[in-house]
């Protein structure tokens, strides 16, 4: 077993320590395999991470052992890895910011299995440019319930004039993402998201809920909007989840909600190549995010 392997990523030469270290014991997936995954997805993934503080979920001893959830960038990270110092209660945290493919590969080499991104960018951290609905199915429920929930969320947002992006979480549900123009602060965005969720739960009381306590959900899909807050994070597109099979959080098109084979873990490190060879489902999204002002007025009339 070689202790170090050098790879070239863009202008950088990286030393990957213990490349043959098995991180997914049931699948035989090594650290080198993880690095190759992130090199392969970098072209689509890095634009979704650029300028955003990250939270790293690292598994230096493999996914069978306890994760190291890390916000602070370690001192030994190279100087070319970008950082952003963000305020927290009582101080600051210096986060990694992944602005290029070399950084993404370097993080994988540090056994960062799953990067989670802020919903705002470092220059205006209180003003998100992403709103996220996390559709969380009840334990034991079929994924058809999640697909139904996604259709309802997207349908209501369509009527409010807001574009949507869809992504399998790689874990249990789906994320519906709305690009924003960074004018509203987090409190306003979360309030709007909560109102949308409440309207949908009232329209579909047997299938959708805003109850945070699992015991109160009674088999319904939970419309989770709690990530829409300062310093909260969401799993990044194309991130690997620390689960058997190495599932990947994967962007999808709206039409794929009609596919009965769709699940949260549909794509894995072994199969993501077929998605990368096809057109990016998010390629048609307008570059400029939308304002919530008109949407709030329309929602008030629809409620």
C-alpha atoms as a PDB file:
ATOM      1  CA  UNK A   1       0.000   0.000   0.000  1.00  0.00           C
ATOM      2  CA  UNK A   2       1.556   3.277  -1.097  1.00  0.00           C
ATOM      3  CA  UNK A   3       1.596   6.003   1.570  1.00  0.00           C
ATOM      4  CA  UNK A   4       1.283   8.891  -0.905  1.00  0.00           C
ATOM      5  CA  UNK A   5       0.147   9.386  -4.494  1.00  0.00           C
ATOM      6  CA  UNK A   6       0.582  12.535  -6.554  1.00  0.00           C
ATOM      7  CA  UNK A   7      -2.150  13.750  -8.871  1.00  0.00           C
ATOM      8  CA  UNK A   8      -2.451  16.798 -11.089  1.00  0.00           C
ATOM      9  CA  UNK A   9      -5.618  18.892 -10.904  1.00  0.00           C
ATOM     10  CA  UNK A  10      -5.560  22.041 -12.997  1.00  0.00           C
ATOM     11  CA  UNK A  11      -2.433  23.989 -12.074  1.00  0.00           C
ATOM     12  CA  UNK A  12      -1.990  22.121  -8.790  1.00  0.00           C
ATOM     13  CA  UNK A  13      -0.083  18.976  -7.909  1.00  0.00           C
ATOM     14  CA  UNK A  14      -1.656  17.265  -4.899  1.00  0.00           C
ATOM     15  CA  UNK A  15      -0.195  14.669  -2.570  1.00  0.00           C
ATOM     16  CA  UNK A  16      -2.925  12.205  -1.591  1.00  0.00           C
ATOM     17  CA  UNK A  17      -1.890  10.386   1.572  1.00  0.00           C
ATOM     18  CA  UNK A  18      -2.969   6.771   2.086  1.00  0.00           C
ATOM     19  CA  UNK A  19      -4.841   6.645  -1.249  1.00  0.00           C
ATOM     20  CA  UNK A  20      -5.671   2.948  -0.790  1.00  0.00           C
ATOM     21  CA  UNK A  21      -7.347   3.520   2.563  1.00  0.00           C
ATOM     22  CA  UNK A  22     -10.817   1.931   2.362  1.00  0.00           C
ATOM     23  CA  UNK A  23     -13.476   4.476   3.341  1.00  0.00           C
ATOM     24  CA  UNK A  24     -16.574   2.426   2.415  1.00  0.00           C
ATOM     25  CA  UNK A  25     -15.856  -1.053   3.818  1.00  0.00           C
ATOM     26  CA  UNK A  26     -18.937  -2.759   2.339  1.00  0.00           C
ATOM     27  CA  UNK A  27     -18.109  -1.473  -1.139  1.00  0.00           C
ATOM     28  CA  UNK A  28     -14.319  -1.432  -1.143  1.00  0.00           C
ATOM     29  CA  UNK A  29     -14.287   2.257  -2.076  1.00  0.00           C
ATOM     30  CA  UNK A  30     -10.959   3.893  -1.279  1.00  0.00           C
ATOM     31  CA  UNK A  31      -9.838   7.444  -0.677  1.00  0.00           C
ATOM     32  CA  UNK A  32      -8.359   7.445  -4.196  1.00  0.00           C
ATOM     33  CA  UNK A  33     -11.778   6.482  -5.566  1.00  0.00           C
ATOM     34  CA  UNK A  34     -13.371   9.356  -3.651  1.00  0.00           C
ATOM     35  CA  UNK A  35     -10.817  11.798  -5.055  1.00  0.00           C
ATOM     36  CA  UNK A  36     -11.522  10.558  -8.589  1.00  0.00           C
ATOM     37  CA  UNK A  37     -15.258  11.048  -8.068  1.00  0.00           C
ATOM     38  CA  UNK A  38     -14.791  14.671  -7.079  1.00  0.00           C
ATOM     39  CA  UNK A  39     -12.395  15.265  -9.964  1.00  0.00           C
ATOM     40  CA  UNK A  40     -15.031  13.856 -12.328  1.00  0.00           C
ATOM     41  CA  UNK A  41     -17.910  15.987 -11.004  1.00  0.00           C
ATOM     42  CA  UNK A  42     -15.886  19.176 -10.446  1.00  0.00           C
ATOM     43  CA  UNK A  43     -16.990  20.886 -13.659  1.00  0.00           C
ATOM     44  CA  UNK A  44     -20.609  20.808 -12.513  1.00  0.00           C
ATOM     45  CA  UNK A  45     -20.068  20.912  -8.773  1.00  0.00           C
ATOM     46  CA  UNK A  46     -17.585  23.758  -8.291  1.00  0.00           C
ATOM     47  CA  UNK A  47     -19.944  26.448  -9.708  1.00  0.00           C
ATOM     48  CA  UNK A  48     -22.444  25.344  -7.034  1.00  0.00           C
ATOM     49  CA  UNK A  49     -19.827  25.799  -4.288  1.00  0.00           C
ATOM     50  CA  UNK A  50     -17.889  28.855  -5.413  1.00  0.00           C
ATOM     51  CA  UNK A  51     -17.716  31.715  -2.869  1.00  0.00           C
ATOM     52  CA  UNK A  52     -19.683  29.715  -0.267  1.00  0.00           C
ATOM     53  CA  UNK A  53     -18.464  28.712   3.188  1.00  0.00           C
ATOM     54  CA  UNK A  54     -18.425  24.945   3.610  1.00  0.00           C
ATOM     55  CA  UNK A  55     -18.950  22.491   6.412  1.00  0.00           C
ATOM     56  CA  UNK A  56     -16.887  19.339   5.958  1.00  0.00           C
ATOM     57  CA  UNK A  57     -18.077  15.895   7.034  1.00  0.00           C
ATOM     58  CA  UNK A  58     -14.864  13.895   7.184  1.00  0.00           C
ATOM     59  CA  UNK A  59     -14.363  10.151   7.713  1.00  0.00           C
ATOM     60  CA  UNK A  60     -10.621   9.604   8.125  1.00  0.00           C
ATOM     61  CA  UNK A  61     -11.240   6.114   9.536  1.00  0.00           C
ATOM     62  CA  UNK A  62     -14.009   5.200   7.078  1.00  0.00           C
ATOM     63  CA  UNK A  63     -17.772   5.619   7.209  1.00  0.00           C
ATOM     64  CA  UNK A  64     -18.195   2.846   9.772  1.00  0.00           C
ATOM     65  CA  UNK A  65     -16.526   5.081  12.358  1.00  0.00           C
ATOM     66  CA  UNK A  66     -17.777   8.361  13.810  1.00  0.00           C
ATOM     67  CA  UNK A  67     -17.646  11.330  11.454  1.00  0.00           C
ATOM     68  CA  UNK A  68     -15.591  14.439  12.077  1.00  0.00           C
ATOM     69  CA  UNK A  69     -17.916  17.371  11.407  1.00  0.00           C
ATOM     70  CA  UNK A  70     -15.615  20.318  10.824  1.00  0.00           C
ATOM     71  CA  UNK A  71     -16.316  23.980  10.161  1.00  0.00           C
ATOM     72  CA  UNK A  72     -12.897  25.510  10.849  1.00  0.00           C
ATOM     73  CA  UNK A  73     -10.256  25.162   8.153  1.00  0.00           C
ATOM     74  CA  UNK A  74      -7.245  23.416   9.753  1.00  0.00           C
ATOM     75  CA  UNK A  75      -4.013  25.392   9.879  1.00  0.00           C
ATOM     76  CA  UNK A  76      -2.196  22.782   7.818  1.00  0.00           C
ATOM     77  CA  UNK A  77      -4.453  23.252   4.781  1.00  0.00           C
ATOM     78  CA  UNK A  78      -2.372  24.867   1.988  1.00  0.00           C
ATOM     79  CA  UNK A  79      -2.489  28.621   1.495  1.00  0.00           C
ATOM     80  CA  UNK A  80      -4.075  28.274  -1.957  1.00  0.00           C
ATOM     81  CA  UNK A  81      -7.236  26.796  -0.408  1.00  0.00           C
ATOM     82  CA  UNK A  82      -9.522  29.812  -0.047  1.00  0.00           C
ATOM     83  CA  UNK A  83     -11.015  30.661   3.314  1.00  0.00           C
ATOM     84  CA  UNK A  84     -13.702  32.974   4.667  1.00  0.00           C
ATOM     85  CA  UNK A  85     -13.963  34.198   8.250  1.00  0.00           C
ATOM     86  CA  UNK A  86     -17.619  34.208   9.247  1.00  0.00           C
ATOM     87  CA  UNK A  87     -19.243  35.596  12.364  1.00  0.00           C
ATOM     88  CA  UNK A  88     -20.735  33.302  14.967  1.00  0.00           C
ATOM     89  CA  UNK A  89     -22.069  33.929  18.456  1.00  0.00           C
ATOM     90  CA  UNK A  90     -19.118  34.979  20.571  1.00  0.00           C
ATOM     91  CA  UNK A  91     -16.516  34.942  17.810  1.00  0.00           C
ATOM     92  CA  UNK A  92     -15.764  33.817  14.273  1.00  0.00           C
ATOM     93  CA  UNK A  93     -15.196  30.635  12.277  1.00  0.00           C
ATOM     94  CA  UNK A  94     -12.777  30.389   9.347  1.00  0.00           C
ATOM     95  CA  UNK A  95     -14.454  28.173   6.753  1.00  0.00           C
ATOM     96  CA  UNK A  96     -13.045  26.561   3.641  1.00  0.00           C
ATOM     97  CA  UNK A  97     -14.377  28.032   0.401  1.00  0.00           C
ATOM     98  CA  UNK A  98     -14.147  25.702  -2.597  1.00  0.00           C
ATOM     99  CA  UNK A  99     -13.486  27.860  -5.645  1.00  0.00           C
ATOM    100  CA  UNK A 100     -11.760  25.330  -7.899  1.00  0.00           C
ATOM    101  CA  UNK A 101     -11.404  21.646  -8.760  1.00  0.00           C
ATOM    102  CA  UNK A 102      -8.065  21.347  -6.963  1.00  0.00           C
ATOM    103  CA  UNK A 103      -9.652  22.371  -3.665  1.00  0.00           C
ATOM    104  CA  UNK A 104     -12.458  19.858  -4.167  1.00  0.00           C
ATOM    105  CA  UNK A 105      -9.955  17.064  -4.822  1.00  0.00           C
ATOM    106  CA  UNK A 106      -7.803  18.187  -1.882  1.00  0.00           C
ATOM    107  CA  UNK A 107     -10.796  17.985   0.472  1.00  0.00           C
ATOM    108  CA  UNK A 108     -11.533  14.460  -0.752  1.00  0.00           C
ATOM    109  CA  UNK A 109      -7.909  13.625  -0.027  1.00  0.00           C
ATOM    110  CA  UNK A 110      -8.592  14.781   3.528  1.00  0.00           C
ATOM    111  CA  UNK A 111     -11.402  12.192   3.683  1.00  0.00           C
ATOM    112  CA  UNK A 112     -14.103  14.846   3.357  1.00  0.00           C
ATOM    113  CA  UNK A 113     -16.787  12.488   2.081  1.00  0.00           C
ATOM    114  CA  UNK A 114     -19.613  15.037   2.126  1.00  0.00           C
ATOM    115  CA  UNK A 115     -19.235  18.805   1.741  1.00  0.00           C
ATOM    116  CA  UNK A 116     -22.222  20.846   2.861  1.00  0.00           C
ATOM    117  CA  UNK A 117     -22.628  24.393   1.567  1.00  0.00           C
ATOM    118  CA  UNK A 118     -24.040  27.576   3.016  1.00  0.00           C
ATOM    119  CA  UNK A 119     -27.120  28.986   1.285  1.00  0.00           C
ATOM    120  CA  UNK A 120     -25.437  32.391   1.086  1.00  0.00           C
ATOM    121  CA  UNK A 121     -22.102  33.564  -0.273  1.00  0.00           C
ATOM    122  CA  UNK A 122     -19.283  34.844   1.894  1.00  0.00           C
ATOM    123  CA  UNK A 123     -19.532  38.474   0.774  1.00  0.00           C
ATOM    124  CA  UNK A 124     -23.180  38.814   1.922  1.00  0.00           C
ATOM    125  CA  UNK A 125     -23.641  36.009   4.428  1.00  0.00           C
ATOM    126  CA  UNK A 126     -26.944  37.314   5.832  1.00  0.00           C
ATOM    127  CA  UNK A 127     -28.611  37.391   2.397  1.00  0.00           C
ATOM    128  CA  UNK A 128     -29.086  33.941   0.859  1.00  0.00           C
ATOM    129  CA  UNK A 129     -29.133  33.276  -2.850  1.00  0.00           C
ATOM    130  CA  UNK A 130     -30.668  29.845  -2.346  1.00  0.00           C
ATOM    131  CA  UNK A 131     -33.894  28.801  -0.631  1.00  0.00           C
ATOM    132  CA  UNK A 132     -34.237  25.086   0.137  1.00  0.00           C
ATOM    133  CA  UNK A 133     -37.230  22.868   0.838  1.00  0.00           C
ATOM    134  CA  UNK A 134     -36.041  19.510   2.198  1.00  0.00           C
ATOM    135  CA  UNK A 135     -38.738  16.904   1.548  1.00  0.00           C
ATOM    136  CA  UNK A 136     -38.313  14.274   4.252  1.00  0.00           C
ATOM    137  CA  UNK A 137     -40.414  11.089   3.951  1.00  0.00           C
ATOM    138  CA  UNK A 138     -41.895   9.306   6.932  1.00  0.00           C
ATOM    139  CA  UNK A 139     -40.056   6.197   8.065  1.00  0.00           C
ATOM    140  CA  UNK A 140     -41.063   3.253   5.895  1.00  0.00           C
ATOM    141  CA  UNK A 141     -42.979   5.426   3.405  1.00  0.00           C
ATOM    142  CA  UNK A 142     -42.610   4.913  -0.323  1.00  0.00           C
ATOM    143  CA  UNK A 143     -40.683   7.388  -2.438  1.00  0.00           C
ATOM    144  CA  UNK A 144     -43.830   8.057  -4.438  1.00  0.00           C
ATOM    145  CA  UNK A 145     -44.932  10.247  -1.538  1.00  0.00           C
ATOM    146  CA  UNK A 146     -41.777  12.342  -1.914  1.00  0.00           C
ATOM    147  CA  UNK A 147     -42.275  12.656  -5.668  1.00  0.00           C
ATOM    148  CA  UNK A 148     -45.855  13.806  -5.028  1.00  0.00           C
ATOM    149  CA  UNK A 149     -44.634  16.359  -2.480  1.00  0.00           C
ATOM    150  CA  UNK A 150     -42.063  17.708  -4.938  1.00  0.00           C
ATOM    151  CA  UNK A 151     -44.743  18.169  -7.600  1.00  0.00           C
ATOM    152  CA  UNK A 152     -46.887  20.156  -5.172  1.00  0.00           C
ATOM    153  CA  UNK A 153     -43.999  22.363  -4.026  1.00  0.00           C
ATOM    154  CA  UNK A 154     -42.885  23.034  -7.595  1.00  0.00           C
ATOM    155  CA  UNK A 155     -46.437  23.669  -8.753  1.00  0.00           C
ATOM    156  CA  UNK A 156     -47.075  26.289  -6.087  1.00  0.00           C
ATOM    157  CA  UNK A 157     -43.720  27.964  -6.693  1.00  0.00           C
ATOM    158  CA  UNK A 158     -44.484  28.021 -10.430  1.00  0.00           C
ATOM    159  CA  UNK A 159     -47.683  29.917  -9.687  1.00  0.00           C
ATOM    160  CA  UNK A 160     -45.654  32.400  -7.622  1.00  0.00           C
ATOM    161  CA  UNK A 161     -43.257  33.031 -10.499  1.00  0.00           C
ATOM    162  CA  UNK A 162     -40.273  31.321  -8.877  1.00  0.00           C
ATOM    163  CA  UNK A 163     -37.970  28.907 -10.736  1.00  0.00           C
ATOM    164  CA  UNK A 164     -37.024  25.631  -9.076  1.00  0.00           C
ATOM    165  CA  UNK A 165     -34.147  23.174  -9.123  1.00  0.00           C
ATOM    166  CA  UNK A 166     -34.571  19.565  -7.990  1.00  0.00           C
ATOM    167  CA  UNK A 167     -32.013  17.241  -6.456  1.00  0.00           C
ATOM    168  CA  UNK A 168     -32.031  13.813  -4.862  1.00  0.00           C
ATOM    169  CA  UNK A 169     -30.479  14.148  -1.420  1.00  0.00           C
ATOM    170  CA  UNK A 170     -28.534  10.898  -1.639  1.00  0.00           C
ATOM    171  CA  UNK A 171     -30.034  10.025   1.740  1.00  0.00           C
ATOM    172  CA  UNK A 172     -33.828   9.802   2.081  1.00  0.00           C
ATOM    173  CA  UNK A 173     -35.582  12.647   0.293  1.00  0.00           C
ATOM    174  CA  UNK A 174     -35.490  15.393  -2.318  1.00  0.00           C
ATOM    175  CA  UNK A 175     -34.434  19.018  -2.190  1.00  0.00           C
ATOM    176  CA  UNK A 176     -36.315  21.754  -4.023  1.00  0.00           C
ATOM    177  CA  UNK A 177     -34.009  24.752  -4.493  1.00  0.00           C
ATOM    178  CA  UNK A 178     -35.055  28.285  -5.468  1.00  0.00           C
ATOM    179  CA  UNK A 179     -32.357  30.724  -6.746  1.00  0.00           C
ATOM    180  CA  UNK A 180     -32.747  34.151  -5.102  1.00  0.00           C
ATOM    181  CA  UNK A 181     -31.437  37.635  -5.849  1.00  0.00           C
ATOM    182  CA  UNK A 182     -29.840  38.145  -2.393  1.00  0.00           C
ATOM    183  CA  UNK A 183     -32.082  41.066  -1.504  1.00  0.00           C
ATOM    184  CA  UNK A 184     -34.027  39.379   1.326  1.00  0.00           C
ATOM    185  CA  UNK A 185     -32.338  38.389   4.581  1.00  0.00           C
ATOM    186  CA  UNK A 186     -32.542  34.928   6.117  1.00  0.00           C
ATOM    187  CA  UNK A 187     -35.415  35.754   8.459  1.00  0.00           C
ATOM    188  CA  UNK A 188     -37.529  36.937   5.529  1.00  0.00           C
ATOM    189  CA  UNK A 189     -36.596  33.945   3.379  1.00  0.00           C
ATOM    190  CA  UNK A 190     -37.366  31.430   6.123  1.00  0.00           C
ATOM    191  CA  UNK A 191     -40.665  33.152   6.882  1.00  0.00           C
ATOM    192  CA  UNK A 192     -41.644  32.936   3.214  1.00  0.00           C
ATOM    193  CA  UNK A 193     -40.610  29.277   2.994  1.00  0.00           C
ATOM    194  CA  UNK A 194     -42.578  28.465   6.126  1.00  0.00           C
ATOM    195  CA  UNK A 195     -45.664  30.157   4.660  1.00  0.00           C
ATOM    196  CA  UNK A 196     -45.337  28.117   1.458  1.00  0.00           C
ATOM    197  CA  UNK A 197     -45.043  24.918   3.497  1.00  0.00           C
ATOM    198  CA  UNK A 198     -48.074  25.805   5.617  1.00  0.00           C
ATOM    199  CA  UNK A 199     -50.205  26.515   2.548  1.00  0.00           C
ATOM    200  CA  UNK A 200     -49.262  23.161   1.045  1.00  0.00           C
ATOM    201  CA  UNK A 201     -49.864  21.281   4.287  1.00  0.00           C
ATOM    202  CA  UNK A 202     -53.339  22.847   4.514  1.00  0.00           C
ATOM    203  CA  UNK A 203     -54.094  21.847   0.920  1.00  0.00           C
ATOM    204  CA  UNK A 204     -52.830  18.266   1.378  1.00  0.00           C
ATOM    205  CA  UNK A 205     -53.310  17.483   5.080  1.00  0.00           C
ATOM    206  CA  UNK A 206     -53.241  13.713   4.551  1.00  0.00           C
ATOM    207  CA  UNK A 207     -49.908  13.694   2.714  1.00  0.00           C
ATOM    208  CA  UNK A 208     -47.875  16.768   3.741  1.00  0.00           C
ATOM    209  CA  UNK A 209     -46.955  18.220   7.127  1.00  0.00           C
ATOM    210  CA  UNK A 210     -44.928  20.946   8.802  1.00  0.00           C
ATOM    211  CA  UNK A 211     -44.703  19.045  12.105  1.00  0.00           C
ATOM    212  CA  UNK A 212     -41.106  18.919  13.287  1.00  0.00           C
ATOM    213  CA  UNK A 213     -41.668  16.039  15.726  1.00  0.00           C
ATOM    214  CA  UNK A 214     -41.542  12.721  13.892  1.00  0.00           C
ATOM    215  CA  UNK A 215     -44.218  11.296  16.173  1.00  0.00           C
ATOM    216  CA  UNK A 216     -46.670  13.938  14.913  1.00  0.00           C
ATOM    217  CA  UNK A 217     -46.080  13.404  11.195  1.00  0.00           C
ATOM    218  CA  UNK A 218     -48.253  10.270  10.944  1.00  0.00           C
ATOM    219  CA  UNK A 219     -46.809   8.945   7.706  1.00  0.00           C
ATOM    220  CA  UNK A 220     -46.779  12.296   5.916  1.00  0.00           C
ATOM    221  CA  UNK A 221     -43.880  13.952   4.081  1.00  0.00           C
ATOM    222  CA  UNK A 222     -42.274  16.649   6.210  1.00  0.00           C
ATOM    223  CA  UNK A 223     -41.729  19.975   4.430  1.00  0.00           C
ATOM    224  CA  UNK A 224     -38.541  21.038   6.190  1.00  0.00           C
ATOM    225  CA  UNK A 225     -37.552  24.710   5.816  1.00  0.00           C
ATOM    226  CA  UNK A 226     -35.238  24.926   8.842  1.00  0.00           C
ATOM    227  CA  UNK A 227     -32.072  25.065   6.732  1.00  0.00           C
ATOM    228  CA  UNK A 228     -33.002  28.564   5.614  1.00  0.00           C
ATOM    229  CA  UNK A 229     -31.094  30.307   8.384  1.00  0.00           C
ATOM    230  CA  UNK A 230     -27.724  31.959   8.874  1.00  0.00           C
ATOM    231  CA  UNK A 231     -24.823  29.455   9.010  1.00  0.00           C
ATOM    232  CA  UNK A 232     -27.098  26.482   8.280  1.00  0.00           C
ATOM    233  CA  UNK A 233     -25.984  24.208   5.460  1.00  0.00           C
ATOM    234  CA  UNK A 234     -27.402  21.840   2.881  1.00  0.00           C
ATOM    235  CA  UNK A 235     -25.713  18.921   1.141  1.00  0.00           C
ATOM    236  CA  UNK A 236     -23.970  20.079  -2.019  1.00  0.00           C
ATOM    237  CA  UNK A 237     -24.970  18.838  -5.493  1.00  0.00           C
ATOM    238  CA  UNK A 238     -22.884  15.785  -6.503  1.00  0.00           C
ATOM    239  CA  UNK A 239     -21.713  15.224  -2.921  1.00  0.00           C
ATOM    240  CA  UNK A 240     -21.235  11.629  -1.788  1.00  0.00           C
ATOM    241  CA  UNK A 241     -23.179  10.501   1.281  1.00  0.00           C
ATOM    242  CA  UNK A 242     -21.523   8.368   3.948  1.00  0.00           C
ATOM    243  CA  UNK A 243     -23.872   5.435   3.394  1.00  0.00           C
ATOM    244  CA  UNK A 244     -23.438   1.935   1.977  1.00  0.00           C
ATOM    245  CA  UNK A 245     -23.252   2.066  -1.800  1.00  0.00           C
ATOM    246  CA  UNK A 246     -21.865   5.628  -1.753  1.00  0.00           C
ATOM    247  CA  UNK A 247     -25.034   7.368  -3.006  1.00  0.00           C
ATOM    248  CA  UNK A 248     -24.623  10.790  -4.596  1.00  0.00           C
ATOM    249  CA  UNK A 249     -26.838  13.856  -4.212  1.00  0.00           C
ATOM    250  CA  UNK A 250     -27.840  14.347  -7.827  1.00  0.00           C
ATOM    251  CA  UNK A 251     -29.599  17.163  -9.733  1.00  0.00           C
ATOM    252  CA  UNK A 252     -32.639  15.969 -11.682  1.00  0.00           C
ATOM    253  CA  UNK A 253     -35.143  17.425 -14.131  1.00  0.00           C
ATOM    254  CA  UNK A 254     -38.808  18.028 -13.302  1.00  0.00           C
ATOM    255  CA  UNK A 255     -39.902  15.288 -15.717  1.00  0.00           C
ATOM    256  CA  UNK A 256     -37.975  12.721 -13.687  1.00  0.00           C
ATOM    257  CA  UNK A 257     -40.545  13.016 -10.910  1.00  0.00           C
ATOM    258  CA  UNK A 258     -42.724  10.796 -13.099  1.00  0.00           C
ATOM    259  CA  UNK A 259     -40.153   7.988 -12.991  1.00  0.00           C
ATOM    260  CA  UNK A 260     -41.328   5.277 -10.556  1.00  0.00           C
ATOM    261  CA  UNK A 261     -37.716   4.093 -10.283  1.00  0.00           C
ATOM    262  CA  UNK A 262     -36.555   7.415  -8.833  1.00  0.00           C
ATOM    263  CA  UNK A 263     -35.285   7.251  -5.255  1.00  0.00           C
ATOM    264  CA  UNK A 264     -33.107   9.436  -3.066  1.00  0.00           C
ATOM    265  CA  UNK A 265     -30.191   7.052  -3.643  1.00  0.00           C
ATOM    266  CA  UNK A 266     -30.777   6.392  -7.331  1.00  0.00           C
ATOM    267  CA  UNK A 267     -27.238   7.461  -8.318  1.00  0.00           C
ATOM    268  CA  UNK A 268     -24.022   6.353  -6.681  1.00  0.00           C
ATOM    269  CA  UNK A 269     -20.309   6.831  -7.202  1.00  0.00           C
ATOM    270  CA  UNK A 270     -20.462   3.784  -9.461  1.00  0.00           C
ATOM    271  CA  UNK A 271     -23.264   5.122 -11.685  1.00  0.00           C
ATOM    272  CA  UNK A 272     -22.956   8.924 -11.616  1.00  0.00           C
ATOM    273  CA  UNK A 273     -20.946   8.811 -14.843  1.00  0.00           C
ATOM    274  CA  UNK A 274     -24.139   8.242 -16.841  1.00  0.00           C
ATOM    275  CA  UNK A 275     -25.509  11.540 -15.503  1.00  0.00           C
ATOM    276  CA  UNK A 276     -22.323  13.410 -16.304  1.00  0.00           C
ATOM    277  CA  UNK A 277     -22.436  12.114 -19.877  1.00  0.00           C
ATOM    278  CA  UNK A 278     -25.949  13.556 -20.330  1.00  0.00           C
ATOM    279  CA  UNK A 279     -27.095  17.171 -20.357  1.00  0.00           C
ATOM    280  CA  UNK A 280     -26.966  18.929 -17.010  1.00  0.00           C
ATOM    281  CA  UNK A 281     -30.564  19.079 -15.654  1.00  0.00           C
ATOM    282  CA  UNK A 282     -29.772  22.491 -14.148  1.00  0.00           C
ATOM    283  CA  UNK A 283     -28.239  24.003 -17.288  1.00  0.00           C
ATOM    284  CA  UNK A 284     -31.366  25.920 -18.299  1.00  0.00           C
ATOM    285  CA  UNK A 285     -31.720  27.813 -15.042  1.00  0.00           C
ATOM    286  CA  UNK A 286     -31.466  31.629 -15.358  1.00  0.00           C
ATOM    287  CA  UNK A 287     -28.222  32.978 -13.945  1.00  0.00           C
ATOM    288  CA  UNK A 288     -29.947  35.731 -11.998  1.00  0.00           C
ATOM    289  CA  UNK A 289     -31.940  34.754  -8.928  1.00  0.00           C
ATOM    290  CA  UNK A 290     -35.468  35.973  -8.324  1.00  0.00           C
ATOM    291  CA  UNK A 291     -36.903  38.439  -5.847  1.00  0.00           C
ATOM    292  CA  UNK A 292     -39.430  37.236  -3.283  1.00  0.00           C
ATOM    293  CA  UNK A 293     -41.422  40.479  -3.281  1.00  0.00           C
ATOM    294  CA  UNK A 294     -43.908  39.601  -6.014  1.00  0.00           C
ATOM    295  CA  UNK A 295     -44.013  35.980  -4.863  1.00  0.00           C
ATOM    296  CA  UNK A 296     -44.979  37.041  -1.342  1.00  0.00           C
ATOM    297  CA  UNK A 297     -47.890  39.114  -2.663  1.00  0.00           C
ATOM    298  CA  UNK A 298     -49.089  36.228  -4.842  1.00  0.00           C
ATOM    299  CA  UNK A 299     -48.771  33.791  -1.952  1.00  0.00           C
ATOM    300  CA  UNK A 300     -50.866  36.022   0.283  1.00  0.00           C
ATOM    301  CA  UNK A 301     -53.636  35.966  -2.317  1.00  0.00           C
ATOM    302  CA  UNK A 302     -53.345  32.202  -2.820  1.00  0.00           C
ATOM    303  CA  UNK A 303     -53.450  31.317   0.896  1.00  0.00           C
END
